[in-house]
Amino acid sequence: MLELPLEYALVEFKGNKVTGKIVPELLDLAERGIVRFVDIVFIQKDKDGSTRTLELNDLEPSAYEMFVPMGKHVSSLFTEQDLEIAASKLRKNTAATLFLWENLWVANLGKAIRDSGGSLVERGQIPPEVVKEFKKELAAENKKKPAAKKTATAKKKPAAKKVTAAKK
């Protein structure tokens, strides 16, 4: 168990309450074998900045039942320090869920890579902020390109006329 890469996400909700509306999507990921959730912790940050945490096992039975189908719950892997760091990132008067999951999809891909004689050299993630900045730069670059294309098109037309004239 826990031989595959683990990822985490801290999801913040306004109003100091987690509604569970994301649960169907999380269940879908687990049921399709894409991920296996190994730890889930709920964090509340009050208006005064004080925080509380609730482990999955500490939820009321109805809330617990909503989350348990996502997979077998592994005893808490987040440390107190992890939870403090997560809570420090939250705005006041919010609630959050801290998820830790195992990427099951990596197992089949890893096997295919090894079976083909390959080996994974590096794996990482690009933060959304970097992607957004890249898209902005790409859009600015693309705005400049149409002018360059017109110039290239203008140059091609006379050459095409010469070819046509030479054929006659």
N, C-alpha and C. Protein backbone atom coordinates (compact mmCIF):
# COMPACT_ATOMS: atom_id res chain seq x y z
N MET A 1 0.83 -1.18 0.00
CA MET A 1 0.00 0.00 0.00
C MET A 1 0.88 1.25 0.00
N LEU A 2 0.41 2.30 -0.62
CA LEU A 2 1.10 3.58 -0.73
C LEU A 2 2.44 3.46 -1.46
N GLU A 3 2.43 2.74 -2.56
CA GLU A 3 3.63 2.60 -3.38
C GLU A 3 3.63 3.56 -4.56
N LEU A 4 2.51 4.23 -4.77
CA LEU A 4 2.36 5.14 -5.89
C LEU A 4 2.47 6.59 -5.40
N PRO A 5 2.66 7.52 -6.33
CA PRO A 5 2.77 8.93 -5.92
C PRO A 5 1.52 9.40 -5.18
N LEU A 6 1.74 10.20 -4.16
CA LEU A 6 0.64 10.80 -3.41
C LEU A 6 0.56 12.27 -3.78
N GLU A 7 -0.66 12.76 -3.85
CA GLU A 7 -0.88 14.18 -4.08
C GLU A 7 -1.87 14.66 -3.04
N TYR A 8 -1.84 15.96 -2.82
CA TYR A 8 -2.81 16.53 -1.88
C TYR A 8 -3.41 17.78 -2.49
N ALA A 9 -4.56 18.14 -1.96
CA ALA A 9 -5.21 19.39 -2.36
C ALA A 9 -5.92 19.96 -1.14
N LEU A 10 -5.82 21.25 -0.99
CA LEU A 10 -6.53 21.97 0.05
C LEU A 10 -7.60 22.79 -0.66
N VAL A 11 -8.87 22.48 -0.38
CA VAL A 11 -9.99 23.13 -1.04
C VAL A 11 -10.73 23.98 -0.02
N GLU A 12 -10.78 25.28 -0.29
CA GLU A 12 -11.40 26.23 0.64
C GLU A 12 -12.83 26.55 0.20
N PHE A 13 -13.71 26.67 1.20
CA PHE A 13 -15.11 27.02 0.96
C PHE A 13 -15.47 28.26 1.76
N LYS A 14 -16.22 29.17 1.16
CA LYS A 14 -16.66 30.38 1.86
C LYS A 14 -17.71 30.02 2.90
N GLY A 15 -17.80 30.82 3.92
CA GLY A 15 -18.87 30.69 4.89
C GLY A 15 -18.67 29.63 5.96
N ASN A 16 -17.46 29.13 6.08
CA ASN A 16 -17.15 28.23 7.18
C ASN A 16 -17.96 26.93 7.19
N LYS A 17 -18.33 26.44 5.99
CA LYS A 17 -19.10 25.20 5.93
C LYS A 17 -18.78 24.44 4.64
N VAL A 18 -18.54 23.15 4.78
CA VAL A 18 -18.34 22.27 3.63
C VAL A 18 -19.70 21.63 3.34
N THR A 19 -20.19 21.79 2.12
CA THR A 19 -21.54 21.30 1.81
C THR A 19 -21.57 19.87 1.30
N GLY A 20 -20.50 19.38 0.77
CA GLY A 20 -20.48 18.03 0.21
C GLY A 20 -20.86 17.97 -1.25
N LYS A 21 -21.04 19.12 -1.89
CA LYS A 21 -21.43 19.14 -3.31
C LYS A 21 -20.34 18.58 -4.22
N ILE A 22 -19.10 18.53 -3.75
CA ILE A 22 -18.03 17.99 -4.58
C ILE A 22 -17.90 16.47 -4.45
N VAL A 23 -18.60 15.91 -3.49
CA VAL A 23 -18.48 14.48 -3.22
C VAL A 23 -18.76 13.61 -4.45
N PRO A 24 -19.80 13.87 -5.25
CA PRO A 24 -20.03 13.02 -6.42
C PRO A 24 -18.83 12.94 -7.37
N GLU A 25 -18.14 14.06 -7.58
CA GLU A 25 -16.96 14.04 -8.44
C GLU A 25 -15.82 13.24 -7.81
N LEU A 26 -15.66 13.39 -6.52
CA LEU A 26 -14.62 12.64 -5.82
C LEU A 26 -14.92 11.15 -5.88
N LEU A 27 -16.17 10.80 -5.66
CA LEU A 27 -16.59 9.39 -5.74
C LEU A 27 -16.32 8.83 -7.13
N ASP A 28 -16.61 9.61 -8.14
CA ASP A 28 -16.40 9.17 -9.52
C ASP A 28 -14.93 8.84 -9.76
N LEU A 29 -14.04 9.71 -9.28
CA LEU A 29 -12.60 9.45 -9.44
C LEU A 29 -12.19 8.15 -8.76
N ALA A 30 -12.73 7.92 -7.58
CA ALA A 30 -12.39 6.70 -6.83
C ALA A 30 -13.00 5.47 -7.49
N GLU A 31 -14.27 5.55 -7.88
CA GLU A 31 -14.95 4.40 -8.47
C GLU A 31 -14.35 3.99 -9.80
N ARG A 32 -13.84 4.94 -10.56
CA ARG A 32 -13.21 4.62 -11.85
C ARG A 32 -11.77 4.15 -11.69
N GLY A 33 -11.27 4.11 -10.45
CA GLY A 33 -9.92 3.62 -10.21
C GLY A 33 -8.83 4.59 -10.61
N ILE A 34 -9.14 5.85 -10.68
CA ILE A 34 -8.15 6.86 -11.04
C ILE A 34 -7.33 7.24 -9.82
N VAL A 35 -8.01 7.40 -8.68
CA VAL A 35 -7.33 7.74 -7.43
C VAL A 35 -7.90 6.89 -6.29
N ARG A 36 -7.14 6.84 -5.22
CA ARG A 36 -7.62 6.25 -3.96
C ARG A 36 -7.33 7.26 -2.88
N PHE A 37 -8.39 7.73 -2.23
CA PHE A 37 -8.21 8.71 -1.17
C PHE A 37 -7.68 8.01 0.06
N VAL A 38 -6.59 8.54 0.61
CA VAL A 38 -5.96 7.91 1.76
C VAL A 38 -6.10 8.71 3.04
N ASP A 39 -6.42 10.00 2.92
CA ASP A 39 -6.68 10.79 4.12
C ASP A 39 -7.53 11.99 3.71
N ILE A 40 -8.46 12.31 4.58
CA ILE A 40 -9.34 13.46 4.37
C ILE A 40 -9.50 14.14 5.72
N VAL A 41 -9.19 15.43 5.77
CA VAL A 41 -9.33 16.20 7.00
C VAL A 41 -10.11 17.46 6.70
N PHE A 42 -11.01 17.83 7.58
CA PHE A 42 -11.81 19.04 7.44
C PHE A 42 -11.25 20.09 8.39
N ILE A 43 -11.13 21.31 7.89
CA ILE A 43 -10.56 22.40 8.68
C ILE A 43 -11.54 23.56 8.66
N GLN A 44 -11.76 24.16 9.82
CA GLN A 44 -12.57 25.37 9.90
C GLN A 44 -11.70 26.48 10.47
N LYS A 45 -11.83 27.65 9.86
CA LYS A 45 -11.12 28.82 10.36
C LYS A 45 -12.18 29.88 10.66
N ASP A 46 -12.31 30.23 11.93
CA ASP A 46 -13.35 31.18 12.36
C ASP A 46 -12.96 32.62 12.04
N LYS A 47 -13.91 33.52 12.28
CA LYS A 47 -13.68 34.95 12.02
C LYS A 47 -12.51 35.50 12.81
N ASP A 48 -12.29 34.95 14.01
CA ASP A 48 -11.19 35.43 14.84
C ASP A 48 -9.86 34.77 14.50
N GLY A 49 -9.86 33.87 13.50
CA GLY A 49 -8.62 33.21 13.08
C GLY A 49 -8.34 31.89 13.77
N SER A 50 -9.15 31.52 14.76
CA SER A 50 -8.94 30.23 15.42
C SER A 50 -9.37 29.10 14.48
N THR A 51 -8.71 27.95 14.62
CA THR A 51 -8.99 26.84 13.72
C THR A 51 -9.35 25.58 14.49
N ARG A 52 -10.11 24.73 13.80
CA ARG A 52 -10.45 23.39 14.30
C ARG A 52 -10.25 22.42 13.15
N THR A 53 -9.91 21.20 13.49
CA THR A 53 -9.81 20.16 12.47
C THR A 53 -10.66 18.97 12.87
N LEU A 54 -11.18 18.31 11.87
CA LEU A 54 -11.97 17.09 12.07
C LEU A 54 -11.45 16.03 11.13
N GLU A 55 -11.13 14.89 11.67
CA GLU A 55 -10.74 13.76 10.83
C GLU A 55 -12.01 13.13 10.27
N LEU A 56 -11.88 12.39 9.21
CA LEU A 56 -13.02 11.72 8.60
C LEU A 56 -13.78 10.87 9.62
N ASN A 57 -13.05 10.17 10.44
CA ASN A 57 -13.67 9.28 11.44
C ASN A 57 -14.42 10.03 12.53
N ASP A 58 -14.18 11.34 12.67
CA ASP A 58 -14.83 12.14 13.70
C ASP A 58 -16.13 12.78 13.24
N LEU A 59 -16.48 12.58 11.97
CA LEU A 59 -17.70 13.19 11.44
C LEU A 59 -18.95 12.52 12.01
N GLU A 60 -20.05 13.25 11.93
CA GLU A 60 -21.34 12.67 12.29
C GLU A 60 -21.63 11.54 11.31
N PRO A 61 -22.38 10.52 11.73
CA PRO A 61 -22.61 9.35 10.86
C PRO A 61 -23.10 9.68 9.45
N SER A 62 -24.02 10.63 9.30
CA SER A 62 -24.54 10.94 7.95
C SER A 62 -23.46 11.54 7.06
N ALA A 63 -22.64 12.41 7.61
CA ALA A 63 -21.55 13.01 6.84
C ALA A 63 -20.47 11.98 6.56
N TYR A 64 -20.19 11.14 7.54
CA TYR A 64 -19.18 10.09 7.38
C TYR A 64 -19.57 9.16 6.22
N GLU A 65 -20.82 8.76 6.17
CA GLU A 65 -21.29 7.85 5.13
C GLU A 65 -21.14 8.46 3.74
N MET A 66 -21.24 9.78 3.64
CA MET A 66 -21.11 10.45 2.36
C MET A 66 -19.68 10.31 1.82
N PHE A 67 -18.69 10.33 2.70
CA PHE A 67 -17.30 10.31 2.26
C PHE A 67 -16.66 8.93 2.22
N VAL A 68 -17.12 8.00 3.02
CA VAL A 68 -16.49 6.69 3.13
C VAL A 68 -16.45 5.92 1.81
N PRO A 69 -17.47 5.99 0.96
CA PRO A 69 -17.40 5.21 -0.29
C PRO A 69 -16.23 5.58 -1.20
N MET A 70 -15.52 6.65 -0.91
CA MET A 70 -14.40 7.05 -1.76
C MET A 70 -13.23 6.09 -1.66
N GLY A 71 -13.27 5.17 -0.78
CA GLY A 71 -12.19 4.19 -0.66
C GLY A 71 -11.89 3.90 0.78
N LYS A 72 -11.03 2.93 0.96
CA LYS A 72 -10.66 2.56 2.32
C LYS A 72 -9.88 3.71 2.95
N HIS A 73 -10.29 4.08 4.13
CA HIS A 73 -9.63 5.19 4.82
C HIS A 73 -8.39 4.67 5.53
N VAL A 74 -7.28 5.30 5.25
CA VAL A 74 -6.03 4.97 5.93
C VAL A 74 -5.95 5.88 7.15
N SER A 75 -5.43 5.34 8.24
CA SER A 75 -5.33 6.18 9.44
C SER A 75 -4.54 7.44 9.10
N SER A 76 -4.79 8.46 9.84
CA SER A 76 -4.29 9.80 9.55
C SER A 76 -2.83 9.82 9.14
N LEU A 77 -2.59 10.37 7.96
CA LEU A 77 -1.23 10.54 7.48
C LEU A 77 -0.77 11.98 7.60
N PHE A 78 -1.72 12.92 7.65
CA PHE A 78 -1.35 14.32 7.84
C PHE A 78 -0.90 14.52 9.28
N THR A 79 0.20 15.23 9.44
CA THR A 79 0.70 15.52 10.78
C THR A 79 0.05 16.79 11.30
N GLU A 80 0.23 17.07 12.57
CA GLU A 80 -0.28 18.33 13.14
C GLU A 80 0.34 19.51 12.42
N GLN A 81 1.62 19.39 12.08
CA GLN A 81 2.30 20.47 11.36
C GLN A 81 1.67 20.67 9.98
N ASP A 82 1.34 19.58 9.29
CA ASP A 82 0.66 19.68 7.99
C ASP A 82 -0.65 20.45 8.12
N LEU A 83 -1.40 20.13 9.16
CA LEU A 83 -2.70 20.76 9.37
C LEU A 83 -2.55 22.24 9.74
N GLU A 84 -1.53 22.56 10.51
CA GLU A 84 -1.27 23.96 10.87
C GLU A 84 -0.90 24.77 9.63
N ILE A 85 -0.06 24.20 8.79
CA ILE A 85 0.34 24.87 7.56
C ILE A 85 -0.88 25.09 6.66
N ALA A 86 -1.70 24.06 6.52
CA ALA A 86 -2.91 24.16 5.69
C ALA A 86 -3.83 25.24 6.25
N ALA A 87 -4.05 25.23 7.54
CA ALA A 87 -4.94 26.22 8.17
C ALA A 87 -4.41 27.64 7.98
N SER A 88 -3.10 27.80 8.00
CA SER A 88 -2.52 29.15 7.84
C SER A 88 -2.77 29.72 6.45
N LYS A 89 -3.06 28.88 5.48
CA LYS A 89 -3.31 29.32 4.11
C LYS A 89 -4.75 29.74 3.88
N LEU A 90 -5.62 29.45 4.84
CA LEU A 90 -7.04 29.75 4.69
C LEU A 90 -7.36 31.17 5.12
N ARG A 91 -8.38 31.74 4.47
CA ARG A 91 -8.88 33.04 4.89
C ARG A 91 -9.77 32.83 6.11
N LYS A 92 -9.99 33.89 6.87
CA LYS A 92 -10.88 33.81 8.04
C LYS A 92 -12.31 33.53 7.58
N ASN A 93 -13.05 32.85 8.44
CA ASN A 93 -14.45 32.50 8.21
C ASN A 93 -14.62 31.62 6.97
N THR A 94 -13.77 30.61 6.88
CA THR A 94 -13.87 29.64 5.79
C THR A 94 -13.75 28.23 6.35
N ALA A 95 -14.13 27.29 5.53
CA ALA A 95 -13.93 25.88 5.85
C ALA A 95 -13.14 25.28 4.70
N ALA A 96 -12.48 24.19 4.96
CA ALA A 96 -11.68 23.56 3.91
C ALA A 96 -11.66 22.05 4.11
N THR A 97 -11.35 21.39 3.03
CA THR A 97 -11.10 19.95 3.08
C THR A 97 -9.70 19.73 2.54
N LEU A 98 -8.93 18.98 3.27
CA LEU A 98 -7.57 18.63 2.86
C LEU A 98 -7.60 17.16 2.45
N PHE A 99 -7.34 16.92 1.17
CA PHE A 99 -7.38 15.57 0.62
C PHE A 99 -5.97 15.07 0.35
N LEU A 100 -5.76 13.80 0.61
CA LEU A 100 -4.52 13.14 0.22
C LEU A 100 -4.93 11.91 -0.57
N TRP A 101 -4.39 11.77 -1.78
CA TRP A 101 -4.79 10.63 -2.60
C TRP A 101 -3.60 9.99 -3.27
N GLU A 102 -3.79 8.75 -3.62
CA GLU A 102 -2.81 7.96 -4.33
C GLU A 102 -3.26 7.90 -5.79
N ASN A 103 -2.36 8.18 -6.70
CA ASN A 103 -2.69 8.17 -8.12
C ASN A 103 -2.61 6.75 -8.67
N LEU A 104 -3.75 6.08 -8.72
CA LEU A 104 -3.78 4.69 -9.19
C LEU A 104 -3.49 4.58 -10.68
N TRP A 105 -3.82 5.61 -11.44
CA TRP A 105 -3.58 5.58 -12.88
C TRP A 105 -2.10 5.43 -13.21
N VAL A 106 -1.24 5.83 -12.28
CA VAL A 106 0.20 5.77 -12.51
C VAL A 106 0.70 4.32 -12.59
N ALA A 107 0.03 3.41 -11.91
CA ALA A 107 0.47 2.01 -11.88
C ALA A 107 0.50 1.41 -13.29
N ASN A 108 -0.60 1.54 -14.03
CA ASN A 108 -0.65 0.97 -15.38
C ASN A 108 0.30 1.68 -16.33
N LEU A 109 0.38 2.98 -16.23
CA LEU A 109 1.31 3.73 -17.06
C LEU A 109 2.75 3.33 -16.74
N GLY A 110 3.06 3.21 -15.45
CA GLY A 110 4.41 2.80 -15.05
C GLY A 110 4.78 1.43 -15.60
N LYS A 111 3.83 0.50 -15.55
CA LYS A 111 4.07 -0.85 -16.08
C LYS A 111 4.33 -0.78 -17.58
N ALA A 112 3.53 0.00 -18.31
CA ALA A 112 3.71 0.13 -19.75
C ALA A 112 5.08 0.75 -20.07
N ILE A 113 5.48 1.73 -19.28
CA ILE A 113 6.78 2.35 -19.49
C ILE A 113 7.90 1.33 -19.29
N ARG A 114 7.83 0.58 -18.18
CA ARG A 114 8.86 -0.43 -17.89
C ARG A 114 8.86 -1.54 -18.94
N ASP A 115 7.66 -2.01 -19.34
CA ASP A 115 7.56 -3.07 -20.34
C ASP A 115 8.12 -2.66 -21.69
N SER A 116 8.13 -1.37 -21.96
CA SER A 116 8.67 -0.89 -23.24
C SER A 116 10.15 -0.52 -23.13
N GLY A 117 10.75 -0.83 -21.96
CA GLY A 117 12.18 -0.56 -21.78
C GLY A 117 12.49 0.84 -21.29
N GLY A 118 11.46 1.57 -20.92
CA GLY A 118 11.66 2.93 -20.46
C GLY A 118 11.70 3.03 -18.95
N SER A 119 12.07 4.20 -18.48
CA SER A 119 12.02 4.47 -17.04
C SER A 119 11.66 5.94 -16.85
N LEU A 120 10.85 6.19 -15.88
CA LEU A 120 10.42 7.55 -15.58
C LEU A 120 11.59 8.30 -14.95
N VAL A 121 11.99 9.37 -15.58
CA VAL A 121 13.11 10.16 -15.10
C VAL A 121 12.64 11.22 -14.12
N GLU A 122 11.52 11.85 -14.45
CA GLU A 122 11.03 12.92 -13.60
C GLU A 122 9.53 13.07 -13.81
N ARG A 123 8.86 13.48 -12.77
CA ARG A 123 7.42 13.74 -12.83
C ARG A 123 7.15 14.94 -11.95
N GLY A 124 6.29 15.83 -12.39
CA GLY A 124 5.99 17.01 -11.59
C GLY A 124 4.68 17.62 -12.02
N GLN A 125 4.34 18.70 -11.39
CA GLN A 125 3.15 19.45 -11.75
C GLN A 125 3.54 20.90 -11.97
N ILE A 126 2.83 21.52 -12.88
CA ILE A 126 3.02 22.94 -13.14
C ILE A 126 1.88 23.67 -12.45
N PRO A 127 2.18 24.60 -11.56
CA PRO A 127 1.12 25.32 -10.83
C PRO A 127 0.19 26.09 -11.78
N PRO A 128 -1.09 26.18 -11.45
CA PRO A 128 -2.05 26.89 -12.30
C PRO A 128 -1.63 28.32 -12.62
N GLU A 129 -0.98 28.99 -11.68
CA GLU A 129 -0.55 30.37 -11.91
C GLU A 129 0.45 30.44 -13.06
N VAL A 130 1.33 29.45 -13.15
CA VAL A 130 2.33 29.41 -14.22
C VAL A 130 1.63 29.16 -15.55
N VAL A 131 0.67 28.24 -15.57
CA VAL A 131 -0.09 27.95 -16.79
C VAL A 131 -0.83 29.20 -17.25
N LYS A 132 -1.45 29.90 -16.31
CA LYS A 132 -2.20 31.11 -16.65
C LYS A 132 -1.27 32.16 -17.26
N GLU A 133 -0.11 32.35 -16.68
CA GLU A 133 0.86 33.31 -17.20
C GLU A 133 1.34 32.90 -18.59
N PHE A 134 1.56 31.60 -18.79
CA PHE A 134 1.98 31.10 -20.09
C PHE A 134 0.90 31.38 -21.14
N LYS A 135 -0.35 31.13 -20.79
CA LYS A 135 -1.46 31.38 -21.73
C LYS A 135 -1.54 32.86 -22.09
N LYS A 136 -1.32 33.72 -21.10
CA LYS A 136 -1.35 35.16 -21.34
C LYS A 136 -0.22 35.55 -22.30
N GLU A 137 0.97 35.02 -22.08
CA GLU A 137 2.10 35.31 -22.96
C GLU A 137 1.86 34.76 -24.37
N LEU A 138 1.28 33.57 -24.45
CA LEU A 138 0.99 32.96 -25.74
C LEU A 138 -0.04 33.78 -26.51
N ALA A 139 -1.07 34.27 -25.82
CA ALA A 139 -2.09 35.10 -26.46
C ALA A 139 -1.46 36.39 -26.99
N ALA A 140 -0.57 37.00 -26.21
CA ALA A 140 0.10 38.23 -26.65
C ALA A 140 0.97 37.95 -27.87
N GLU A 141 1.64 36.80 -27.86
CA GLU A 141 2.48 36.41 -28.98
C GLU A 141 1.64 36.16 -30.23
N ASN A 142 0.48 35.54 -30.06
CA ASN A 142 -0.40 35.24 -31.20
C ASN A 142 -0.99 36.51 -31.80
N LYS A 143 -1.17 37.55 -30.99
CA LYS A 143 -1.66 38.82 -31.52
C LYS A 143 -0.65 39.44 -32.47
N LYS A 144 0.62 39.19 -32.22
CA LYS A 144 1.68 39.72 -33.08
C LYS A 144 1.80 38.93 -34.37
N LYS A 145 1.50 37.64 -34.35
CA LYS A 145 1.70 36.76 -35.50
C LYS A 145 0.83 37.10 -36.71
N PRO A 146 -0.44 37.50 -36.58
CA PRO A 146 -1.22 37.79 -37.79
C PRO A 146 -0.54 38.82 -38.70
N ALA A 147 0.10 39.80 -38.13
CA ALA A 147 0.80 40.80 -38.94
C ALA A 147 1.94 40.14 -39.70
N ALA A 148 2.63 39.23 -39.06
CA ALA A 148 3.73 38.52 -39.70
C ALA A 148 3.18 37.62 -40.81
N LYS A 149 2.03 37.01 -40.61
CA LYS A 149 1.43 36.14 -41.62
C LYS A 149 1.03 36.94 -42.86
N LYS A 150 0.52 38.15 -42.64
CA LYS A 150 0.12 38.99 -43.78
C LYS A 150 1.35 39.32 -44.63
N THR A 151 2.43 39.60 -43.98
CA THR A 151 3.66 39.92 -44.70
C THR A 151 4.12 38.72 -45.49
N ALA A 152 4.07 37.55 -44.86
CA ALA A 152 4.49 36.33 -45.53
C ALA A 152 3.56 36.03 -46.69
N THR A 153 2.27 36.25 -46.53
CA THR A 153 1.30 36.01 -47.59
C THR A 153 1.54 36.98 -48.75
N ALA A 154 1.81 38.22 -48.42
CA ALA A 154 2.07 39.22 -49.46
C ALA A 154 3.29 38.85 -50.27
N LYS A 155 4.30 38.32 -49.63
CA LYS A 155 5.52 37.93 -50.34
C LYS A 155 5.26 36.73 -51.23
N LYS A 156 4.39 35.82 -50.81
CA LYS A 156 4.13 34.61 -51.58
C LYS A 156 3.35 34.91 -52.85
N LYS A 157 2.45 35.89 -52.83
CA LYS A 157 1.61 36.17 -53.99
C LYS A 157 2.43 36.57 -55.21
N PRO A 158 3.38 37.48 -55.09
CA PRO A 158 4.16 37.82 -56.30
C PRO A 158 4.92 36.62 -56.83
N ALA A 159 5.44 35.77 -55.94
CA ALA A 159 6.16 34.59 -56.39
C ALA A 159 5.23 33.67 -57.16
N ALA A 160 4.00 33.56 -56.71
CA ALA A 160 3.03 32.71 -57.39
C ALA A 160 2.72 33.27 -58.78
N LYS A 161 2.66 34.58 -58.93
CA LYS A 161 2.39 35.21 -60.21
C LYS A 161 3.54 34.94 -61.18
N LYS A 162 4.76 34.97 -60.67
CA LYS A 162 5.92 34.71 -61.53
C LYS A 162 5.87 33.29 -62.05
N VAL A 163 5.50 32.34 -61.17
CA VAL A 163 5.43 30.95 -61.59
C VAL A 163 4.37 30.78 -62.68
N THR A 164 3.22 31.43 -62.44
CA THR A 164 2.12 31.36 -63.41
C THR A 164 2.57 31.97 -64.74
N ALA A 165 3.24 33.09 -64.69
CA ALA A 165 3.70 33.76 -65.90
C ALA A 165 4.73 32.91 -66.64
N ALA A 166 5.59 32.23 -65.90
CA ALA A 166 6.60 31.39 -66.51
C ALA A 166 5.98 30.20 -67.22
N LYS A 167 4.86 29.67 -66.73
CA LYS A 167 4.21 28.51 -67.33
C LYS A 167 3.55 28.87 -68.66
N LYS A 168 3.11 30.11 -68.84
CA LYS A 168 2.43 30.52 -70.07
C LYS A 168 3.43 30.60 -71.15
